[in-house]
N, C-alpha and C. Protein backbone atom coordinates (compact mmCIF):
# COMPACT_ATOMS: atom_id res chain seq x y z
N MET A 1 104.44 49.69 116.64
CA MET A 1 105.11 50.96 116.45
C MET A 1 104.32 52.03 117.20
N SER A 2 105.04 52.85 117.95
CA SER A 2 104.37 53.89 118.71
C SER A 2 103.83 54.97 117.77
N LYS A 3 102.93 55.77 118.31
CA LYS A 3 102.34 56.84 117.52
C LYS A 3 103.41 57.83 117.05
N GLU A 4 104.36 58.15 117.94
CA GLU A 4 105.44 59.07 117.60
C GLU A 4 106.34 58.50 116.50
N ASN A 5 106.69 57.23 116.62
CA ASN A 5 107.51 56.59 115.59
C ASN A 5 106.78 56.53 114.25
N SER A 6 105.50 56.27 114.30
CA SER A 6 104.70 56.21 113.08
C SER A 6 104.66 57.58 112.42
N TYR A 7 104.49 58.62 113.22
CA TYR A 7 104.47 59.99 112.70
C TYR A 7 105.81 60.33 112.06
N GLN A 8 106.91 59.98 112.73
CA GLN A 8 108.23 60.28 112.20
C GLN A 8 108.49 59.54 110.89
N ARG A 9 108.07 58.29 110.83
CA ARG A 9 108.25 57.52 109.59
C ARG A 9 107.42 58.13 108.46
N ASP A 10 106.19 58.50 108.74
CA ASP A 10 105.34 59.12 107.71
C ASP A 10 105.96 60.41 107.21
N ARG A 11 106.50 61.19 108.12
CA ARG A 11 107.14 62.46 107.75
C ARG A 11 108.38 62.21 106.90
N LEU A 12 109.18 61.23 107.27
CA LEU A 12 110.37 60.86 106.52
C LEU A 12 110.00 60.43 105.10
N LEU A 13 108.97 59.61 104.99
CA LEU A 13 108.51 59.16 103.67
C LEU A 13 108.02 60.33 102.83
N GLU A 14 107.25 61.21 103.44
CA GLU A 14 106.71 62.36 102.72
C GLU A 14 107.82 63.30 102.24
N GLU A 15 108.77 63.58 103.12
CA GLU A 15 109.86 64.49 102.76
C GLU A 15 110.74 63.90 101.66
N PHE A 16 111.01 62.59 101.75
CA PHE A 16 111.80 61.95 100.70
C PHE A 16 111.06 62.00 99.37
N SER A 17 109.77 61.72 99.39
CA SER A 17 109.00 61.71 98.14
C SER A 17 109.01 63.10 97.49
N LYS A 18 108.96 64.15 98.28
CA LYS A 18 109.02 65.52 97.74
C LYS A 18 110.37 65.79 97.10
N ARG A 19 111.46 65.37 97.77
CA ARG A 19 112.79 65.58 97.20
C ARG A 19 112.96 64.78 95.91
N LEU A 20 112.48 63.55 95.92
CA LEU A 20 112.59 62.72 94.72
C LEU A 20 111.81 63.34 93.57
N GLN A 21 110.60 63.81 93.84
CA GLN A 21 109.80 64.44 92.79
C GLN A 21 110.49 65.70 92.27
N GLN A 22 111.05 66.49 93.16
CA GLN A 22 111.76 67.70 92.75
C GLN A 22 112.95 67.33 91.87
N ALA A 23 113.70 66.31 92.26
CA ALA A 23 114.86 65.88 91.47
C ALA A 23 114.42 65.41 90.09
N ILE A 24 113.33 64.68 90.01
CA ILE A 24 112.82 64.22 88.72
C ILE A 24 112.37 65.40 87.89
N ASP A 25 111.63 66.32 88.52
CA ASP A 25 111.12 67.48 87.79
C ASP A 25 112.22 68.33 87.18
N GLU A 26 113.38 68.36 87.82
CA GLU A 26 114.49 69.17 87.33
C GLU A 26 115.49 68.36 86.52
N SER A 27 115.15 67.13 86.20
CA SER A 27 116.05 66.27 85.46
C SER A 27 115.60 66.08 84.02
N SER A 28 116.37 65.34 83.28
CA SER A 28 116.01 65.03 81.89
C SER A 28 114.85 64.03 81.84
N PHE A 29 114.47 63.47 82.97
CA PHE A 29 113.37 62.51 83.02
C PHE A 29 112.01 63.18 83.24
N ALA A 30 112.01 64.49 83.42
CA ALA A 30 110.79 65.22 83.76
C ALA A 30 109.69 65.02 82.72
N SER A 31 110.05 65.01 81.46
CA SER A 31 109.04 64.92 80.40
C SER A 31 108.79 63.48 79.95
N LEU A 32 109.47 62.54 80.56
CA LEU A 32 109.32 61.14 80.17
C LEU A 32 108.37 60.41 81.11
N GLU A 33 107.89 59.29 80.65
CA GLU A 33 107.02 58.47 81.50
C GLU A 33 107.83 57.83 82.61
N GLN A 34 107.17 57.54 83.73
CA GLN A 34 107.85 56.95 84.88
C GLN A 34 108.50 55.62 84.54
N GLY A 35 107.95 54.92 83.57
CA GLY A 35 108.51 53.64 83.18
C GLY A 35 109.93 53.75 82.67
N VAL A 36 110.25 54.86 82.03
CA VAL A 36 111.61 55.07 81.53
C VAL A 36 112.58 55.19 82.71
N LEU A 37 112.21 56.00 83.69
CA LEU A 37 113.05 56.18 84.86
C LEU A 37 113.17 54.88 85.65
N SER A 38 112.06 54.20 85.87
CA SER A 38 112.11 52.95 86.63
C SER A 38 112.98 51.91 85.92
N ALA A 39 112.92 51.86 84.60
CA ALA A 39 113.76 50.93 83.85
C ALA A 39 115.24 51.29 84.01
N GLN A 40 115.55 52.59 83.95
CA GLN A 40 116.94 53.03 84.13
C GLN A 40 117.46 52.67 85.52
N LEU A 41 116.57 52.70 86.50
CA LEU A 41 116.95 52.39 87.88
C LEU A 41 116.92 50.89 88.17
N GLY A 42 116.31 50.12 87.26
CA GLY A 42 116.22 48.68 87.46
C GLY A 42 115.20 48.30 88.51
N VAL A 43 114.12 49.10 88.62
CA VAL A 43 113.05 48.80 89.57
C VAL A 43 111.72 48.81 88.81
N SER A 44 110.71 48.28 89.44
CA SER A 44 109.38 48.27 88.82
C SER A 44 108.76 49.66 88.89
N ARG A 45 107.78 49.87 88.04
CA ARG A 45 107.03 51.14 88.09
C ARG A 45 106.34 51.29 89.43
N GLN A 46 105.87 50.16 89.97
CA GLN A 46 105.18 50.18 91.26
C GLN A 46 106.12 50.65 92.37
N ALA A 47 107.36 50.20 92.34
CA ALA A 47 108.33 50.63 93.36
C ALA A 47 108.55 52.14 93.27
N LEU A 48 108.76 52.63 92.06
CA LEU A 48 108.96 54.07 91.87
C LEU A 48 107.73 54.84 92.31
N ARG A 49 106.56 54.35 91.96
CA ARG A 49 105.32 55.01 92.36
C ARG A 49 105.20 55.06 93.88
N LYS A 50 105.57 54.00 94.58
CA LYS A 50 105.51 53.99 96.05
C LYS A 50 106.45 55.02 96.64
N TRP A 51 107.63 55.18 96.04
CA TRP A 51 108.57 56.18 96.54
C TRP A 51 107.98 57.58 96.36
N LEU A 52 107.37 57.80 95.19
CA LEU A 52 106.82 59.13 94.89
C LEU A 52 105.56 59.44 95.69
N GLU A 53 104.84 58.42 96.07
CA GLU A 53 103.62 58.61 96.87
C GLU A 53 103.91 58.64 98.36
N GLY A 54 105.17 58.46 98.75
CA GLY A 54 105.52 58.47 100.16
C GLY A 54 105.07 57.23 100.91
N LYS A 55 105.03 56.10 100.19
CA LYS A 55 104.60 54.85 100.82
C LYS A 55 105.76 53.91 101.10
N ALA A 56 106.92 54.20 100.52
CA ALA A 56 108.09 53.34 100.71
C ALA A 56 109.35 54.16 100.42
N LEU A 57 110.46 53.64 100.91
CA LEU A 57 111.76 54.25 100.64
C LEU A 57 112.61 53.26 99.84
N PRO A 58 113.46 53.78 98.97
CA PRO A 58 114.38 52.87 98.28
C PRO A 58 115.43 52.37 99.27
N SER A 59 116.06 51.27 98.94
CA SER A 59 117.10 50.73 99.82
C SER A 59 118.30 51.67 99.84
N GLN A 60 119.07 51.59 100.89
CA GLN A 60 120.27 52.42 101.03
C GLN A 60 121.27 52.12 99.92
N THR A 61 121.26 50.90 99.40
CA THR A 61 122.18 50.56 98.32
C THR A 61 121.71 51.11 96.98
N ARG A 62 120.43 51.41 96.84
CA ARG A 62 119.89 51.94 95.58
C ARG A 62 119.99 53.47 95.53
N LEU A 63 120.02 54.13 96.68
CA LEU A 63 120.05 55.60 96.72
C LEU A 63 121.18 56.23 95.90
N PRO A 64 122.41 55.73 95.97
CA PRO A 64 123.47 56.35 95.16
C PRO A 64 123.18 56.31 93.66
N ALA A 65 122.61 55.23 93.18
CA ALA A 65 122.28 55.12 91.76
C ALA A 65 121.19 56.12 91.37
N ILE A 66 120.22 56.31 92.26
CA ILE A 66 119.14 57.28 91.99
C ILE A 66 119.72 58.69 91.93
N ALA A 67 120.54 59.02 92.91
CA ALA A 67 121.15 60.36 92.96
C ALA A 67 122.02 60.58 91.73
N ASP A 68 122.78 59.59 91.35
CA ASP A 68 123.66 59.71 90.19
C ASP A 68 122.85 59.91 88.91
N LEU A 69 121.83 59.12 88.73
CA LEU A 69 121.01 59.20 87.53
C LEU A 69 120.29 60.55 87.42
N LEU A 70 119.82 61.07 88.55
CA LEU A 70 119.10 62.34 88.57
C LEU A 70 120.03 63.55 88.72
N LYS A 71 121.32 63.26 88.87
CA LYS A 71 122.35 64.31 88.99
C LYS A 71 122.10 65.24 90.17
N VAL A 72 121.82 64.62 91.33
CA VAL A 72 121.66 65.37 92.57
C VAL A 72 122.62 64.81 93.61
N GLN A 73 122.85 65.58 94.65
CA GLN A 73 123.73 65.15 95.72
C GLN A 73 123.05 64.05 96.54
N LEU A 74 123.78 63.00 96.82
CA LEU A 74 123.24 61.87 97.57
C LEU A 74 122.75 62.29 98.96
N THR A 75 123.52 63.09 99.66
CA THR A 75 123.13 63.52 101.01
C THR A 75 121.82 64.28 100.97
N TRP A 76 121.69 65.17 99.99
CA TRP A 76 120.45 65.93 99.86
C TRP A 76 119.28 65.00 99.60
N LEU A 77 119.44 64.08 98.68
CA LEU A 77 118.34 63.16 98.35
C LEU A 77 117.96 62.31 99.55
N ALA A 78 118.93 61.80 100.24
CA ALA A 78 118.67 60.90 101.37
C ALA A 78 118.13 61.61 102.61
N THR A 79 118.65 62.82 102.88
CA THR A 79 118.32 63.48 104.16
C THR A 79 117.71 64.87 104.03
N GLY A 80 117.87 65.48 102.88
CA GLY A 80 117.41 66.86 102.72
C GLY A 80 118.45 67.88 103.16
N GLU A 81 119.60 67.42 103.62
CA GLU A 81 120.65 68.31 104.08
C GLU A 81 121.59 68.65 102.93
N GLY A 82 122.14 69.85 102.98
CA GLY A 82 123.07 70.27 101.94
C GLY A 82 122.34 70.78 100.71
N ASN A 83 123.06 70.87 99.64
CA ASN A 83 122.53 71.39 98.39
C ASN A 83 122.07 70.26 97.48
N MET A 84 121.08 70.57 96.69
CA MET A 84 120.56 69.58 95.75
C MET A 84 121.59 69.27 94.66
N HIS A 85 122.20 70.30 94.12
CA HIS A 85 123.15 70.13 93.03
C HIS A 85 124.53 70.61 93.45
N GLU A 86 125.53 70.01 92.87
CA GLU A 86 126.88 70.51 93.08
C GLU A 86 127.32 71.17 91.79
N LEU A 87 127.67 72.42 91.90
CA LEU A 87 128.18 73.16 90.76
C LEU A 87 129.65 73.43 91.02
N LYS A 88 130.49 72.93 90.16
CA LYS A 88 131.92 73.15 90.33
C LYS A 88 132.35 74.26 89.40
N GLY A 89 133.06 75.21 89.95
CA GLY A 89 133.51 76.30 89.11
C GLY A 89 134.40 77.24 89.88
N LYS A 90 134.77 78.30 89.22
CA LYS A 90 135.63 79.31 89.84
C LYS A 90 134.79 80.48 90.31
N VAL A 91 135.21 81.06 91.40
CA VAL A 91 134.56 82.26 91.91
C VAL A 91 135.23 83.42 91.20
N GLY A 92 134.47 84.16 90.41
CA GLY A 92 135.05 85.25 89.64
C GLY A 92 134.67 86.61 90.21
N ASP A 93 135.35 87.61 89.75
CA ASP A 93 135.07 89.00 90.13
C ASP A 93 135.10 89.19 91.65
N THR A 94 136.07 88.63 92.31
CA THR A 94 136.17 88.79 93.75
C THR A 94 137.62 89.01 94.14
N PRO A 95 137.87 89.82 95.16
CA PRO A 95 139.25 90.03 95.61
C PRO A 95 139.79 88.82 96.39
N TYR A 96 138.97 87.85 96.62
CA TYR A 96 139.37 86.70 97.42
C TYR A 96 139.99 85.64 96.51
N ASP A 97 141.24 85.87 96.10
CA ASP A 97 141.91 84.97 95.16
C ASP A 97 141.98 83.54 95.68
N ARG A 98 142.06 83.37 96.97
CA ARG A 98 142.17 82.01 97.51
C ARG A 98 140.93 81.17 97.23
N LEU A 99 139.80 81.81 96.92
CA LEU A 99 138.57 81.08 96.64
C LEU A 99 138.50 80.55 95.21
N GLN A 100 139.36 81.04 94.34
CA GLN A 100 139.21 80.73 92.92
C GLN A 100 139.45 79.26 92.58
N HIS A 101 140.05 78.49 93.44
CA HIS A 101 140.30 77.09 93.14
C HIS A 101 139.44 76.14 93.97
N LEU A 102 138.54 76.68 94.75
CA LEU A 102 137.67 75.86 95.57
C LEU A 102 136.45 75.42 94.77
N HIS A 103 135.96 74.25 95.10
CA HIS A 103 134.70 73.80 94.52
C HIS A 103 133.59 74.26 95.46
N PHE A 104 132.44 74.59 94.90
CA PHE A 104 131.35 75.06 95.72
C PHE A 104 130.05 74.50 95.18
N SER A 105 129.05 74.51 96.02
CA SER A 105 127.73 74.00 95.63
C SER A 105 126.70 75.11 95.79
N LEU A 106 125.77 75.16 94.87
CA LEU A 106 124.68 76.11 94.94
C LEU A 106 123.37 75.38 94.71
N SER A 107 122.37 75.73 95.50
CA SER A 107 121.04 75.22 95.23
C SER A 107 120.49 76.00 94.04
N LYS A 108 119.39 75.57 93.50
CA LYS A 108 118.76 76.27 92.38
C LYS A 108 118.42 77.70 92.79
N GLU A 109 117.89 77.87 94.01
CA GLU A 109 117.52 79.19 94.49
C GLU A 109 118.74 80.09 94.65
N GLU A 110 119.85 79.52 95.16
CA GLU A 110 121.08 80.30 95.32
C GLU A 110 121.64 80.74 93.97
N ALA A 111 121.58 79.84 92.99
CA ALA A 111 122.06 80.19 91.65
C ALA A 111 121.21 81.31 91.04
N GLU A 112 119.89 81.24 91.24
CA GLU A 112 119.00 82.29 90.73
C GLU A 112 119.27 83.61 91.43
N LEU A 113 119.49 83.55 92.74
CA LEU A 113 119.80 84.76 93.51
C LEU A 113 121.10 85.40 93.00
N LEU A 114 122.12 84.58 92.78
CA LEU A 114 123.39 85.09 92.28
C LEU A 114 123.24 85.69 90.89
N GLU A 115 122.50 85.02 90.03
CA GLU A 115 122.28 85.53 88.67
C GLU A 115 121.56 86.89 88.71
N THR A 116 120.55 86.99 89.57
CA THR A 116 119.82 88.24 89.70
C THR A 116 120.72 89.33 90.29
N TYR A 117 121.48 88.99 91.31
CA TYR A 117 122.39 89.94 91.96
C TYR A 117 123.37 90.53 90.95
N ARG A 118 123.90 89.70 90.07
CA ARG A 118 124.88 90.17 89.09
C ARG A 118 124.28 91.15 88.08
N GLN A 119 122.97 91.19 87.96
CA GLN A 119 122.32 92.11 87.04
C GLN A 119 122.06 93.48 87.66
N LEU A 120 122.26 93.61 88.97
CA LEU A 120 121.99 94.87 89.66
C LEU A 120 123.09 95.89 89.41
N SER A 121 122.73 97.15 89.57
CA SER A 121 123.73 98.22 89.46
C SER A 121 124.65 98.15 90.68
N VAL A 122 125.77 98.83 90.59
CA VAL A 122 126.74 98.85 91.68
C VAL A 122 126.10 99.39 92.96
N ASN A 123 125.35 100.48 92.87
CA ASN A 123 124.70 101.08 94.05
C ASN A 123 123.65 100.14 94.64
N THR A 124 122.88 99.50 93.78
CA THR A 124 121.85 98.58 94.27
C THR A 124 122.49 97.37 94.93
N LYS A 125 123.59 96.88 94.36
CA LYS A 125 124.32 95.76 94.98
C LYS A 125 124.78 96.14 96.39
N ALA A 126 125.32 97.35 96.53
CA ALA A 126 125.80 97.80 97.85
C ALA A 126 124.65 97.88 98.84
N SER A 127 123.53 98.42 98.42
CA SER A 127 122.36 98.53 99.30
C SER A 127 121.84 97.14 99.68
N PHE A 128 121.79 96.25 98.71
CA PHE A 128 121.31 94.89 98.95
C PHE A 128 122.23 94.17 99.94
N PHE A 129 123.54 94.33 99.76
CA PHE A 129 124.49 93.68 100.65
C PHE A 129 124.36 94.22 102.07
N ASP A 130 124.18 95.55 102.21
CA ASP A 130 123.96 96.14 103.54
C ASP A 130 122.69 95.58 104.18
N PHE A 131 121.66 95.43 103.37
CA PHE A 131 120.38 94.88 103.84
C PHE A 131 120.59 93.45 104.36
N LEU A 132 121.31 92.63 103.60
CA LEU A 132 121.56 91.25 104.03
C LEU A 132 122.38 91.20 105.32
N ARG A 133 123.37 92.06 105.43
CA ARG A 133 124.17 92.12 106.67
C ARG A 133 123.28 92.45 107.86
N GLN A 134 122.35 93.40 107.69
CA GLN A 134 121.45 93.79 108.78
C GLN A 134 120.55 92.63 109.17
N ILE A 135 120.04 91.92 108.20
CA ILE A 135 119.20 90.75 108.50
C ILE A 135 120.00 89.73 109.29
N ALA A 136 121.23 89.46 108.86
CA ALA A 136 122.08 88.49 109.56
C ALA A 136 122.32 88.92 111.00
N LYS A 137 122.54 90.22 111.22
CA LYS A 137 122.73 90.72 112.59
C LYS A 137 121.47 90.51 113.41
N ASP A 138 120.31 90.82 112.82
CA ASP A 138 119.03 90.67 113.52
C ASP A 138 118.77 89.22 113.90
N ILE A 139 119.16 88.31 113.04
CA ILE A 139 118.95 86.88 113.32
C ILE A 139 119.78 86.44 114.51
N LYS A 140 120.98 86.99 114.64
CA LYS A 140 121.89 86.60 115.70
C LYS A 140 121.54 87.21 117.05
N LYS A 141 120.70 88.26 117.06
CA LYS A 141 120.34 88.91 118.32
C LYS A 141 119.46 87.99 119.15
N PRO A 142 119.72 87.91 120.46
CA PRO A 142 118.86 87.08 121.31
C PRO A 142 117.46 87.71 121.45
N VAL A 143 116.49 86.88 121.52
CA VAL A 143 115.10 87.35 121.67
C VAL A 143 114.79 87.45 123.15
N HIS A 144 114.34 88.63 123.60
CA HIS A 144 113.98 88.85 125.00
C HIS A 144 112.48 88.82 125.13
N ARG A 145 112.01 88.07 126.08
CA ARG A 145 110.55 87.98 126.30
C ARG A 145 110.19 88.36 127.69
């Protein structure tokens, strides 16, 4: 295995182990011993420990069961793309009626941001929204060097 391939594999293992640990930490298994989770998954404690230490990856056929048990999105667990959790609900307090029947996903951070935003005064919400729009414009501007 080339040095580059070895580096990429190590990075993949490390990133997966972080996502798995995060999913466990935010699940009902957080306060339980690893043996409980490994038993629920039908794997040995050693296998689970290797996944968490970034020494091995679960099989592609086992990933859906892990995601389901930990109540996280499979794509997020496998690749880190998308949102960790899927929250299905209605979009309320918006003039965009067409959105009210769509399903949407929020990460933990997005849900916290939304909860905090809803606590702001009307004037503060307007200022915050203007600030976000300005940041988005700045991001889209080409950088000249």
